[in-house]
Amino acid sequence: MALYVPRLARETEPCANCGALLASDQRYCLSCGERRANTRVPFPAAPKQLAAAPAAPPAPPRPVARRGPGGLPDWALSALFGLAGAAALALGILAGVLIAGGGDDTPSVAAATPTPVATATPGATAAAPVATPTPAVTVAATFTPDWQPGSNGWTVQLKTLPKDGTTPEAVAAAKTEATGQGAAEVGALDSDSFPSLDGGNYVIYSGVKTTKKDAEDALSGIQANFPDAKVVEVSDHATAEATPTPVEKSQADLKQQEQTQTPEDAQKNTRKAPPTVKSEGTPPPADDKAPGAGTDSTEIG
């Protein structure tokens, strides 16, 4: 004989408290212990005095959590599936690394150490680079003569400056000074360029004349301010003739010349002889005594 078991609900109905699936004849939830159906024996009616008491408001229904297979909630199942997927991915990566490392004999290259970047300290001011001044190039001044080379003439020499130790600036200052003293057409020349002048000097001159007389006339006008001035010839050839130096002859040469000369030459030389002739040696003592050596002699005229 078959035992009839009344069904309390349809299959796979969830628990109203925890959401676990219940059987059709299940009165209590095996997960949370929540009662499913009414009691078999009805409770006695409440006393009247109690019936007058206001009934408490029904509790709000609890949210029904959906459960998957095995009675686990959906969020638990999702977490488990996520952990399983992450573990599978990690195992795959580890296997790939092991395979790649085992088949490649190339030594691994160490990662480059990043270069530390210098950071500026707060409050520290970087020193500005100091610009090095460029040394100035000094060009030595050179003397420029005022007398045209190759031209000859006469001029008034005002003064001379030795070339050794005299700078072009000093020559220019001497020209300015001479102009201030009344000289006209003041210039300067290098005496080494003209054989007619004494070498080794810078000559400060006044005017360029074609004749000596014109230069002398110019000198007379400024002689008072330049007492040492003189007229000079500026020429590219020497004009002053050297005075011949007399040649001294020995006594033997003079005696030989006297023996070989003709009577005419001897007469000419006698005419050219000086009125007083000095002989060599010690002169005789002077005879300054009176006639008769101081005796009483009588001079007969």
Protein backbone atom coordinates (compact mmCIF):
# COMPACT_ATOMS: atom_id res chain seq x y z
CA MET A 1 0.00 0.00 0.00
CA ALA A 2 1.41 3.33 -0.95
CA LEU A 3 1.86 6.02 1.67
CA TYR A 4 0.49 9.32 0.63
CA VAL A 5 2.65 12.22 1.54
CA PRO A 6 0.90 15.55 1.19
CA ARG A 7 2.75 18.15 -0.78
CA LEU A 8 3.21 21.48 0.90
CA ALA A 9 4.44 23.33 -2.12
CA ARG A 10 5.80 22.86 -5.64
CA GLU A 11 9.23 21.45 -6.29
CA THR A 12 12.31 23.70 -6.08
CA GLU A 13 10.54 26.46 -4.18
CA PRO A 14 13.13 28.55 -2.32
CA CYS A 15 13.12 29.30 1.36
CA ALA A 16 11.58 32.66 2.17
CA ASN A 17 14.45 33.42 4.57
CA CYS A 18 17.71 32.25 2.94
CA GLY A 19 16.59 31.27 -0.55
CA ALA A 20 17.65 27.63 -0.31
CA LEU A 21 15.59 25.20 -2.44
CA LEU A 22 13.04 23.19 -0.47
CA ALA A 23 11.29 19.92 -1.19
CA SER A 24 7.51 19.87 -1.62
CA ASP A 25 6.95 18.13 1.76
CA GLN A 26 9.68 19.99 3.66
CA ARG A 27 8.38 22.03 6.61
CA TYR A 28 11.67 23.52 7.81
CA CYS A 29 14.64 24.86 5.87
CA LEU A 30 17.70 22.74 6.37
CA SER A 31 19.96 25.74 5.86
CA CYS A 32 18.53 28.36 8.18
CA GLY A 33 15.81 26.43 10.10
CA GLU A 34 12.99 28.74 8.96
CA ARG A 35 9.48 27.25 9.36
CA ARG A 36 7.73 26.76 6.02
CA ALA A 37 4.09 25.80 6.73
CA ASN A 38 1.56 26.41 9.45
CA THR A 39 1.42 24.25 12.54
CA ARG A 40 -0.67 21.07 12.39
CA VAL A 41 -2.53 21.85 15.60
CA PRO A 42 -4.03 25.35 15.64
CA PHE A 43 -3.11 27.56 18.53
CA PRO A 44 -5.88 28.53 20.97
CA ALA A 45 -7.51 31.83 20.39
CA ALA A 46 -5.99 34.76 22.14
CA PRO A 47 -7.78 36.21 25.20
CA LYS A 48 -10.11 39.06 24.53
CA GLN A 49 -8.07 41.46 26.58
CA LEU A 50 -5.15 40.57 24.44
CA ALA A 51 -7.21 40.78 21.27
CA ALA A 52 -7.78 44.44 21.93
CA ALA A 53 -4.03 45.08 21.86
CA PRO A 54 -2.85 46.52 18.57
CA ALA A 55 -1.20 44.01 16.41
CA ALA A 56 2.47 44.59 15.60
CA PRO A 57 3.17 45.55 12.00
CA PRO A 58 4.35 42.64 9.93
CA ALA A 59 8.11 42.44 9.33
CA PRO A 60 9.19 43.36 5.85
CA PRO A 61 10.00 40.38 3.73
CA ARG A 62 13.65 39.52 3.59
CA PRO A 63 15.34 39.62 0.22
CA VAL A 64 15.51 36.23 -1.33
CA ALA A 65 19.05 35.38 -2.24
CA ARG A 66 19.36 33.27 -5.32
CA ARG A 67 21.33 30.12 -4.88
CA GLY A 68 23.06 27.97 -7.38
CA PRO A 69 23.85 24.29 -7.37
CA GLY A 70 24.91 22.99 -3.98
CA GLY A 71 23.00 25.68 -2.10
CA LEU A 72 25.65 28.45 -2.66
CA PRO A 73 24.56 31.98 -3.48
CA ASP A 74 25.25 33.38 -6.95
CA TRP A 75 27.84 35.84 -5.62
CA ALA A 76 29.76 33.00 -3.98
CA LEU A 77 29.70 31.04 -7.21
CA SER A 78 30.94 34.09 -9.15
CA ALA A 79 33.78 34.56 -6.67
CA LEU A 80 34.77 30.92 -6.97
CA PHE A 81 34.71 31.06 -10.76
CA GLY A 82 36.80 34.27 -10.66
CA LEU A 83 39.40 32.71 -8.39
CA ALA A 84 39.54 29.60 -10.55
CA GLY A 85 40.03 31.73 -13.69
CA ALA A 86 42.78 33.79 -12.05
CA ALA A 87 44.55 30.64 -10.87
CA ALA A 88 44.33 29.13 -14.37
CA LEU A 89 45.72 32.33 -15.90
CA ALA A 90 48.61 32.43 -13.40
CA LEU A 91 49.41 28.77 -14.13
CA GLY A 92 49.39 29.50 -17.86
CA ILE A 93 51.75 32.45 -17.48
CA LEU A 94 54.08 30.44 -15.25
CA ALA A 95 54.12 27.59 -17.74
CA GLY A 96 54.90 30.00 -20.59
CA VAL A 97 57.78 31.52 -18.66
CA LEU A 98 59.20 28.12 -17.83
CA ILE A 99 58.91 26.99 -21.44
CA ALA A 100 60.47 30.17 -22.77
CA GLY A 101 63.29 30.04 -20.21
CA GLY A 102 64.05 26.39 -20.86
CA GLY A 103 64.29 26.71 -24.67
CA ASP A 104 66.37 29.90 -24.83
CA ASP A 105 70.06 29.66 -23.94
CA THR A 106 70.61 33.41 -24.34
CA PRO A 107 71.54 34.92 -20.98
CA SER A 108 69.05 37.35 -19.69
CA VAL A 109 70.03 40.97 -19.86
CA ALA A 110 69.84 42.81 -16.59
CA ALA A 111 67.48 45.70 -16.59
CA ALA A 112 69.22 49.02 -16.95
CA THR A 113 69.43 50.92 -13.72
CA PRO A 114 67.67 54.22 -14.16
CA THR A 115 69.97 57.21 -13.91
CA PRO A 116 69.11 59.26 -10.86
CA VAL A 117 67.81 62.68 -11.75
CA ALA A 118 69.36 65.51 -9.80
CA THR A 119 66.73 67.58 -8.09
CA ALA A 120 67.25 71.20 -7.23
CA THR A 121 67.39 71.92 -3.52
CA PRO A 122 64.71 74.43 -2.51
CA GLY A 123 66.21 77.81 -1.82
CA ALA A 124 69.48 77.05 -3.66
CA THR A 125 70.11 79.42 -6.53
CA ALA A 126 72.27 78.18 -9.40
CA ALA A 127 75.26 80.41 -10.00
CA ALA A 128 75.05 82.18 -13.31
CA PRO A 129 78.00 81.50 -15.66
CA VAL A 130 80.51 84.34 -15.67
CA ALA A 131 81.28 85.55 -19.16
CA THR A 132 85.03 85.74 -19.83
CA PRO A 133 85.88 89.08 -21.38
CA THR A 134 87.60 88.89 -24.71
CA PRO A 135 91.05 90.47 -24.50
CA ALA A 136 91.33 93.59 -26.60
CA VAL A 137 93.79 93.41 -29.47
CA THR A 138 96.37 96.18 -29.17
CA VAL A 139 97.73 97.40 -32.48
CA ALA A 140 101.06 99.18 -32.21
CA ALA A 141 101.03 102.57 -33.88
CA THR A 142 103.56 103.11 -36.66
CA PHE A 143 105.29 106.33 -37.69
CA THR A 144 104.04 107.86 -40.94
CA PRO A 145 106.38 110.46 -42.47
CA ASP A 146 104.94 113.71 -43.84
CA TRP A 147 107.76 114.31 -46.35
CA GLN A 148 106.96 112.61 -49.64
CA PRO A 149 109.61 110.00 -50.49
CA GLY A 150 111.72 110.83 -53.55
CA SER A 151 111.18 114.61 -53.32
CA ASN A 152 114.21 116.83 -52.64
CA GLY A 153 114.17 120.32 -51.18
CA TRP A 154 115.07 122.62 -48.32
CA THR A 155 113.32 123.06 -44.99
CA VAL A 156 113.68 124.56 -41.53
CA GLN A 157 114.66 121.90 -39.00
CA LEU A 158 112.89 122.87 -35.77
CA LYS A 159 114.04 119.98 -33.54
CA THR A 160 115.07 116.34 -33.67
CA LEU A 161 113.88 113.37 -31.61
CA PRO A 162 115.96 110.19 -31.27
CA LYS A 163 114.24 107.22 -32.86
CA ASP A 164 115.20 104.95 -29.97
CA GLY A 165 112.57 105.34 -27.30
CA THR A 166 110.40 107.84 -29.19
CA THR A 167 106.85 106.69 -29.95
CA PRO A 168 104.66 107.95 -32.81
CA GLU A 169 102.47 109.62 -30.19
CA ALA A 170 105.48 111.63 -28.96
CA VAL A 171 106.22 112.75 -32.54
CA ALA A 172 102.62 113.88 -32.98
CA ALA A 173 102.78 115.81 -29.69
CA ALA A 174 106.00 117.57 -30.84
CA LYS A 175 104.32 118.62 -34.09
CA THR A 176 101.34 120.02 -32.20
CA GLU A 177 103.65 121.93 -29.87
CA ALA A 178 105.61 123.44 -32.78
CA THR A 179 102.40 124.55 -34.48
CA GLY A 180 101.30 126.23 -31.25
CA GLN A 181 104.59 128.19 -31.15
CA GLY A 182 103.94 129.76 -34.55
CA ALA A 183 105.60 127.38 -37.04
CA ALA A 184 103.74 126.82 -40.33
CA GLU A 185 103.42 123.63 -42.37
CA VAL A 186 104.85 121.52 -39.57
CA GLY A 187 105.73 117.95 -40.43
CA ALA A 188 107.96 115.05 -39.42
CA LEU A 189 110.31 112.80 -41.37
CA ASP A 190 112.65 109.88 -40.78
CA SER A 191 116.25 111.03 -41.23
CA ASP A 192 117.37 107.50 -42.12
CA SER A 193 115.46 107.84 -45.40
CA PHE A 194 117.62 110.77 -46.58
CA PRO A 195 121.43 110.48 -46.74
CA SER A 196 121.79 114.27 -46.55
CA LEU A 197 120.65 114.23 -42.90
CA ASP A 198 122.13 112.74 -39.76
CA GLY A 199 120.62 109.31 -39.22
CA GLY A 200 118.76 107.92 -36.24
CA ASN A 201 116.36 110.84 -35.69
CA TYR A 202 112.81 112.00 -36.28
CA VAL A 203 113.09 115.53 -37.71
CA ILE A 204 110.35 118.06 -36.92
CA TYR A 205 110.43 120.58 -39.77
CA SER A 206 108.54 123.63 -41.02
CA GLY A 207 107.72 124.06 -44.70
CA VAL A 208 109.04 122.51 -47.89
CA LYS A 209 111.13 124.95 -49.97
CA THR A 210 112.73 124.55 -53.37
CA THR A 211 115.70 126.85 -52.68
CA LYS A 212 117.92 127.42 -49.70
CA LYS A 213 117.14 131.18 -49.71
CA ASP A 214 113.40 130.51 -49.31
CA ALA A 215 114.15 128.28 -46.33
CA GLU A 216 116.39 130.95 -44.78
CA ASP A 217 113.64 133.56 -45.19
CA ALA A 218 111.20 131.23 -43.41
CA LEU A 219 113.72 130.68 -40.62
CA SER A 220 114.14 134.41 -40.02
CA GLY A 221 110.43 134.71 -39.30
CA ILE A 222 110.40 132.07 -36.52
CA GLN A 223 113.99 132.33 -35.22
CA ALA A 224 112.83 134.04 -32.00
CA ASN A 225 110.60 131.08 -30.99
CA PHE A 226 113.02 128.39 -32.21
CA PRO A 227 116.59 129.44 -31.34
CA ASP A 228 118.03 126.01 -32.27
CA ALA A 229 116.33 125.87 -35.68
CA LYS A 230 118.44 125.70 -38.82
CA VAL A 231 118.10 125.29 -42.58
CA VAL A 232 118.81 121.76 -43.88
CA GLU A 233 118.68 120.12 -47.28
CA VAL A 234 116.49 117.04 -47.57
CA SER A 235 117.81 114.94 -50.42
CA ASP A 236 118.12 111.30 -51.37
CA HIS A 237 121.89 111.73 -51.97
CA ALA A 238 124.65 113.00 -49.70
CA THR A 239 125.54 116.64 -50.39
CA ALA A 240 128.12 117.34 -47.72
CA GLU A 241 131.62 116.50 -48.96
CA ALA A 242 133.94 114.93 -46.49
CA THR A 243 137.03 116.98 -45.59
CA PRO A 244 140.14 114.99 -46.58
CA THR A 245 142.27 113.97 -43.67
CA PRO A 246 145.92 115.17 -44.03
CA VAL A 247 148.41 112.38 -44.45
CA GLU A 248 151.44 112.62 -42.18
CA LYS A 249 154.75 111.60 -43.76
CA SER A 250 157.72 110.15 -41.95
CA GLN A 251 161.18 111.75 -41.86
CA ALA A 252 162.49 109.13 -44.28
CA ASP A 253 159.76 109.99 -46.78
CA LEU A 254 160.44 113.71 -46.45
CA LYS A 255 164.22 113.19 -46.93
CA GLN A 256 163.66 111.05 -49.98
CA GLN A 257 161.27 113.63 -51.41
CA GLU A 258 163.87 116.36 -50.82
CA GLN A 259 166.56 114.36 -52.62
CA THR A 260 164.41 113.54 -55.60
CA GLN A 261 162.82 116.96 -56.14
CA THR A 262 164.00 119.26 -58.90
CA PRO A 263 165.39 122.75 -58.31
CA GLU A 264 162.09 124.21 -59.48
CA ASP A 265 160.15 122.12 -56.95
CA ALA A 266 162.58 123.08 -54.21
CA GLN A 267 162.09 126.75 -55.00
CA LYS A 268 158.30 126.34 -54.93
CA ASN A 269 158.43 124.51 -51.61
CA THR A 270 160.64 127.28 -50.18
CA ARG A 271 158.05 129.85 -51.11
CA LYS A 272 155.35 127.77 -49.46
CA ALA A 273 157.33 127.27 -46.27
CA PRO A 274 156.01 129.05 -43.14
CA PRO A 275 157.90 132.12 -41.90
CA THR A 276 158.77 130.37 -38.63
CA VAL A 277 160.14 126.85 -38.62
CA LYS A 278 160.35 124.84 -35.46
CA SER A 279 163.14 122.36 -35.18
CA GLU A 280 163.01 119.14 -33.26
CA GLY A 281 164.76 118.78 -29.91
CA THR A 282 165.33 121.11 -26.94
CA PRO A 283 165.79 124.76 -27.91
CA PRO A 284 169.07 126.43 -26.80
CA PRO A 285 169.01 128.71 -23.73
CA ALA A 286 168.19 132.31 -24.41
CA ASP A 287 171.17 134.77 -24.33
CA ASP A 288 169.71 137.79 -22.59
CA LYS A 289 172.97 139.18 -21.13
CA ALA A 290 174.31 142.64 -22.00
CA PRO A 291 177.19 142.96 -24.48
CA GLY A 292 180.60 142.39 -22.91
CA ALA A 293 179.22 140.05 -20.31
CA GLY A 294 178.83 142.84 -17.81
CA THR A 295 182.42 144.40 -18.20
CA ASP A 296 183.25 148.01 -18.63
CA SER A 297 183.96 147.65 -22.26
CA THR A 298 183.13 150.41 -24.66
CA GLU A 299 181.11 149.65 -27.69
CA ILE A 300 182.57 151.11 -30.85
CA GLY A 301 180.02 152.07 -33.34
